[in-house]
Amino acid sequence: MIKIALTGGIGCGKSTVCELFSQHAIPVIDTDIIARELVKPGEDTLIEIIDYFGSEILLPDRSLDRKALAGKVFNNLKSKKALESILHPKIRKATQSQINSLNTCYVIIAIPLLVETKQLSDYDYVLVVDCSEEQQIERTIYRDHRTLDEVQSIINSQVSREERNSVADDIIDNSGDRKSLVTRIDQLHAKYMNFCKSA
């Protein structure tokens, strides 16, 4: 089984790409979904986070207040590293568990911070979804109802577009329309299926 790590900056269209691979009956493991599962009320991971950051990161229903937590770790390296040391090993373990349960030609693992978390060596192939920074900003403001400053801060906290693209085995240019994107995913699916046959 070929493990393909899918990454890209905020607003580049990773979710859409995952959806298109799923339409080819290819399993997609989304580490953002794993992270959300890990911090549900009552989960050990959330308890660890509360122990470190305090109960002010909870909403009235005892679920995680993501904005409050983000506020604590943003521009605070010590807090950021503490949160990562709690979350990242558990996300990796859960991801590997899901991979181990599969019987497929190839699998897509969506990891937004693949480069930042130094996981390149864990995967056989790196696929980057790319678009211009202007498109990232426009799409994220529209999707998440964030301010321009908020989106710019997130982009600045991620590795540069150039650095991300430099580690890619394949790049999906998602600056065009959906039809172009569908065509590109079809091409890549055929390519990866051929890899499996020749492996």
Protein backbone atom coordinates (compact mmCIF):
# COMPACT_ATOMS: atom_id res chain seq x y z
CA MET A 1 0.00 0.00 0.00
CA ILE A 2 1.37 3.39 -1.02
CA LYS A 3 0.99 6.11 1.62
CA ILE A 4 0.46 9.51 0.01
CA ALA A 5 0.61 12.56 2.26
CA LEU A 6 -1.59 15.40 1.02
CA THR A 7 -0.79 18.89 2.22
CA GLY A 8 -1.25 22.54 1.29
CA GLY A 9 -1.70 25.96 2.83
CA ILE A 10 -4.95 27.20 4.31
CA GLY A 11 -7.62 27.82 1.67
CA CYS A 12 -5.84 25.86 -1.08
CA GLY A 13 -8.64 23.30 -1.41
CA LYS A 14 -7.39 20.20 0.40
CA SER A 15 -10.91 19.13 1.42
CA THR A 16 -12.16 19.31 -2.16
CA VAL A 17 -9.21 17.25 -3.36
CA CYS A 18 -9.90 14.63 -0.66
CA GLU A 19 -13.52 14.47 -1.74
CA LEU A 20 -12.48 13.88 -5.37
CA PHE A 21 -10.10 11.06 -4.43
CA SER A 22 -12.91 9.52 -2.35
CA GLN A 23 -15.05 9.44 -5.49
CA HIS A 24 -12.49 7.00 -6.92
CA ALA A 25 -13.17 4.75 -3.88
CA ILE A 26 -9.77 5.63 -2.43
CA PRO A 27 -9.65 5.86 1.38
CA VAL A 28 -8.83 9.29 2.78
CA ILE A 29 -7.56 9.79 6.32
CA ASP A 30 -7.99 13.39 7.48
CA THR A 31 -5.77 14.25 10.45
CA ASP A 32 -7.92 17.32 11.21
CA ILE A 33 -10.88 14.99 11.79
CA ILE A 34 -8.71 12.75 13.99
CA ALA A 35 -7.66 15.80 16.01
CA ARG A 36 -11.29 16.83 16.51
CA GLU A 37 -12.21 13.32 17.67
CA LEU A 38 -9.36 13.34 20.18
CA VAL A 39 -10.58 16.51 21.91
CA LYS A 40 -14.24 15.58 22.31
CA PRO A 41 -15.65 16.01 25.83
CA GLY A 42 -14.46 13.26 28.15
CA GLU A 43 -11.54 12.22 25.97
CA ASP A 44 -8.16 11.82 27.73
CA THR A 45 -6.52 14.24 25.29
CA LEU A 46 -8.95 17.04 26.18
CA ILE A 47 -8.38 16.36 29.88
CA GLU A 48 -4.61 16.74 29.34
CA ILE A 49 -5.15 20.02 27.49
CA ILE A 50 -7.41 21.34 30.30
CA ASP A 51 -4.80 20.32 32.88
CA TYR A 52 -2.22 22.47 31.11
CA PHE A 53 -4.26 25.45 29.87
CA GLY A 54 -7.07 25.62 32.41
CA SER A 55 -10.85 25.34 32.14
CA GLU A 56 -11.16 28.75 30.43
CA ILE A 57 -10.53 26.95 27.13
CA LEU A 58 -13.93 25.22 27.51
CA LEU A 59 -17.32 26.31 26.27
CA PRO A 60 -20.33 26.16 28.65
CA ASP A 61 -21.17 22.64 27.38
CA ARG A 62 -17.62 21.51 28.39
CA SER A 63 -16.49 21.14 24.77
CA LEU A 64 -13.26 22.72 23.57
CA ASP A 65 -13.39 26.43 22.75
CA ARG A 66 -11.05 26.38 19.76
CA LYS A 67 -10.81 30.15 19.51
CA ALA A 68 -9.87 30.47 23.18
CA LEU A 69 -7.21 27.78 22.81
CA ALA A 70 -5.89 29.37 19.61
CA GLY A 71 -5.61 32.66 21.45
CA LYS A 72 -3.43 31.02 24.10
CA VAL A 73 -1.00 29.38 21.68
CA PHE A 74 -0.82 32.05 18.99
CA ASN A 75 2.50 33.89 19.23
CA ASN A 76 3.34 31.92 22.41
CA LEU A 77 6.01 29.38 21.50
CA LYS A 78 6.03 27.60 24.87
CA SER A 79 2.24 27.08 24.87
CA LYS A 80 2.29 26.05 21.20
CA LYS A 81 4.95 23.42 21.85
CA ALA A 82 3.05 22.16 24.91
CA LEU A 83 -0.12 21.72 22.87
CA GLU A 84 1.78 20.00 20.06
CA SER A 85 3.46 17.60 22.51
CA ILE A 86 0.01 16.55 23.73
CA LEU A 87 -1.70 16.32 20.35
CA HIS A 88 0.82 15.28 17.71
CA PRO A 89 1.91 11.88 19.07
CA LYS A 90 -1.75 10.88 19.55
CA ILE A 91 -2.70 12.06 16.06
CA ARG A 92 0.19 10.08 14.55
CA LYS A 93 -0.75 6.96 16.50
CA ALA A 94 -4.43 7.17 15.47
CA THR A 95 -3.42 7.85 11.85
CA GLN A 96 -1.16 4.80 11.77
CA SER A 97 -3.90 2.68 13.32
CA GLN A 98 -6.29 3.69 10.53
CA ILE A 99 -3.64 2.99 7.87
CA ASN A 100 -3.00 -0.47 9.36
CA SER A 101 -6.70 -1.33 9.09
CA LEU A 102 -6.81 -0.73 5.34
CA ASN A 103 -6.40 -3.08 2.39
CA THR A 104 -6.05 -0.78 -0.60
CA CYS A 105 -3.74 0.11 -3.46
CA TYR A 106 -2.98 3.54 -2.05
CA VAL A 107 -4.28 5.82 0.67
CA ILE A 108 -4.44 9.61 0.95
CA ILE A 109 -3.50 11.06 4.34
CA ALA A 110 -4.40 14.75 4.62
CA ILE A 111 -1.87 16.51 6.87
CA PRO A 112 -2.12 20.32 6.71
CA LEU A 113 1.11 20.85 8.69
CA LEU A 114 3.10 18.01 7.12
CA VAL A 115 6.24 20.08 6.58
CA GLU A 116 5.94 22.05 9.83
CA THR A 117 5.65 18.85 11.91
CA LYS A 118 8.53 17.16 10.06
CA GLN A 119 6.59 14.06 8.99
CA LEU A 120 7.89 13.83 5.43
CA SER A 121 9.84 10.64 6.08
CA ASP A 122 6.71 8.84 7.34
CA TYR A 123 5.16 8.75 3.85
CA ASP A 124 6.01 7.34 0.43
CA TYR A 125 4.83 10.28 -1.61
CA VAL A 126 3.98 13.94 -1.04
CA LEU A 127 1.13 15.62 -2.89
CA VAL A 128 0.75 19.39 -2.50
CA VAL A 129 -2.40 21.38 -3.29
CA ASP A 130 -1.35 24.84 -4.39
CA CYS A 131 -2.88 28.18 -5.34
CA SER A 132 -1.87 31.83 -5.08
CA GLU A 133 -1.79 33.61 -1.72
CA GLU A 134 -4.48 35.98 -3.00
CA GLN A 135 -6.77 32.98 -3.61
CA GLN A 136 -5.94 31.51 -0.19
CA ILE A 137 -6.97 34.77 1.47
CA GLU A 138 -10.13 35.20 -0.57
CA ARG A 139 -11.32 31.61 -0.06
CA THR A 140 -10.56 31.53 3.66
CA ILE A 141 -12.29 34.85 4.37
CA TYR A 142 -15.34 33.59 2.46
CA ARG A 143 -15.35 30.11 4.07
CA ASP A 144 -14.40 30.90 7.68
CA HIS A 145 -15.66 34.49 7.95
CA ARG A 146 -12.26 35.57 9.23
CA THR A 147 -10.69 39.01 8.89
CA LEU A 148 -7.88 39.70 6.45
CA ASP A 149 -5.43 40.10 9.36
CA GLU A 150 -6.45 36.74 10.85
CA VAL A 151 -5.98 34.90 7.55
CA GLN A 152 -2.66 36.64 6.89
CA SER A 153 -1.44 35.63 10.36
CA ILE A 154 -2.32 31.98 9.70
CA ILE A 155 -0.54 32.03 6.34
CA ASN A 156 2.52 33.64 7.94
CA SER A 157 2.60 30.93 10.63
CA GLN A 158 2.80 28.17 8.00
CA VAL A 159 5.83 27.33 5.87
CA SER A 160 6.11 29.35 2.69
CA ARG A 161 4.45 28.26 -0.50
CA GLU A 162 7.90 27.83 -2.07
CA GLU A 163 9.15 25.58 0.74
CA ARG A 164 6.00 23.44 0.65
CA ASN A 165 6.14 23.02 -3.11
CA SER A 166 9.85 22.14 -2.97
CA VAL A 167 9.12 18.89 -1.09
CA ALA A 168 6.29 17.81 -3.41
CA ASP A 169 6.43 14.75 -5.64
CA ASP A 170 3.30 16.07 -7.34
CA ILE A 171 1.61 19.48 -7.22
CA ILE A 172 -2.08 20.10 -7.85
CA ASP A 173 -2.62 23.59 -9.21
CA ASN A 174 -5.99 24.53 -7.72
CA SER A 175 -6.13 28.05 -9.11
CA GLY A 176 -8.64 27.14 -11.84
CA ASP A 177 -12.18 25.81 -11.94
CA ARG A 178 -13.56 22.54 -10.56
CA LYS A 179 -13.51 20.88 -13.99
CA SER A 180 -9.74 21.40 -14.24
CA LEU A 181 -9.32 20.04 -10.73
CA VAL A 182 -11.38 16.92 -11.49
CA THR A 183 -9.24 16.26 -14.59
CA ARG A 184 -6.03 16.59 -12.54
CA ILE A 185 -7.29 14.19 -9.84
CA ASP A 186 -8.30 11.68 -12.52
CA GLN A 187 -4.76 11.85 -13.93
CA LEU A 188 -3.15 11.39 -10.53
CA HIS A 189 -5.46 8.51 -9.63
CA ALA A 190 -4.43 6.69 -12.82
CA LYS A 191 -0.77 7.39 -12.03
CA TYR A 192 -1.00 6.06 -8.48
CA MET A 193 -2.90 2.97 -9.59
CA ASN A 194 -0.08 2.27 -12.05
CA PHE A 195 2.44 2.64 -9.23
CA CYS A 196 0.59 -0.09 -7.33
CA LYS A 197 0.60 -2.41 -10.33
CA SER A 198 4.33 -1.99 -10.87
CA ALA A 199 5.23 -2.22 -7.17
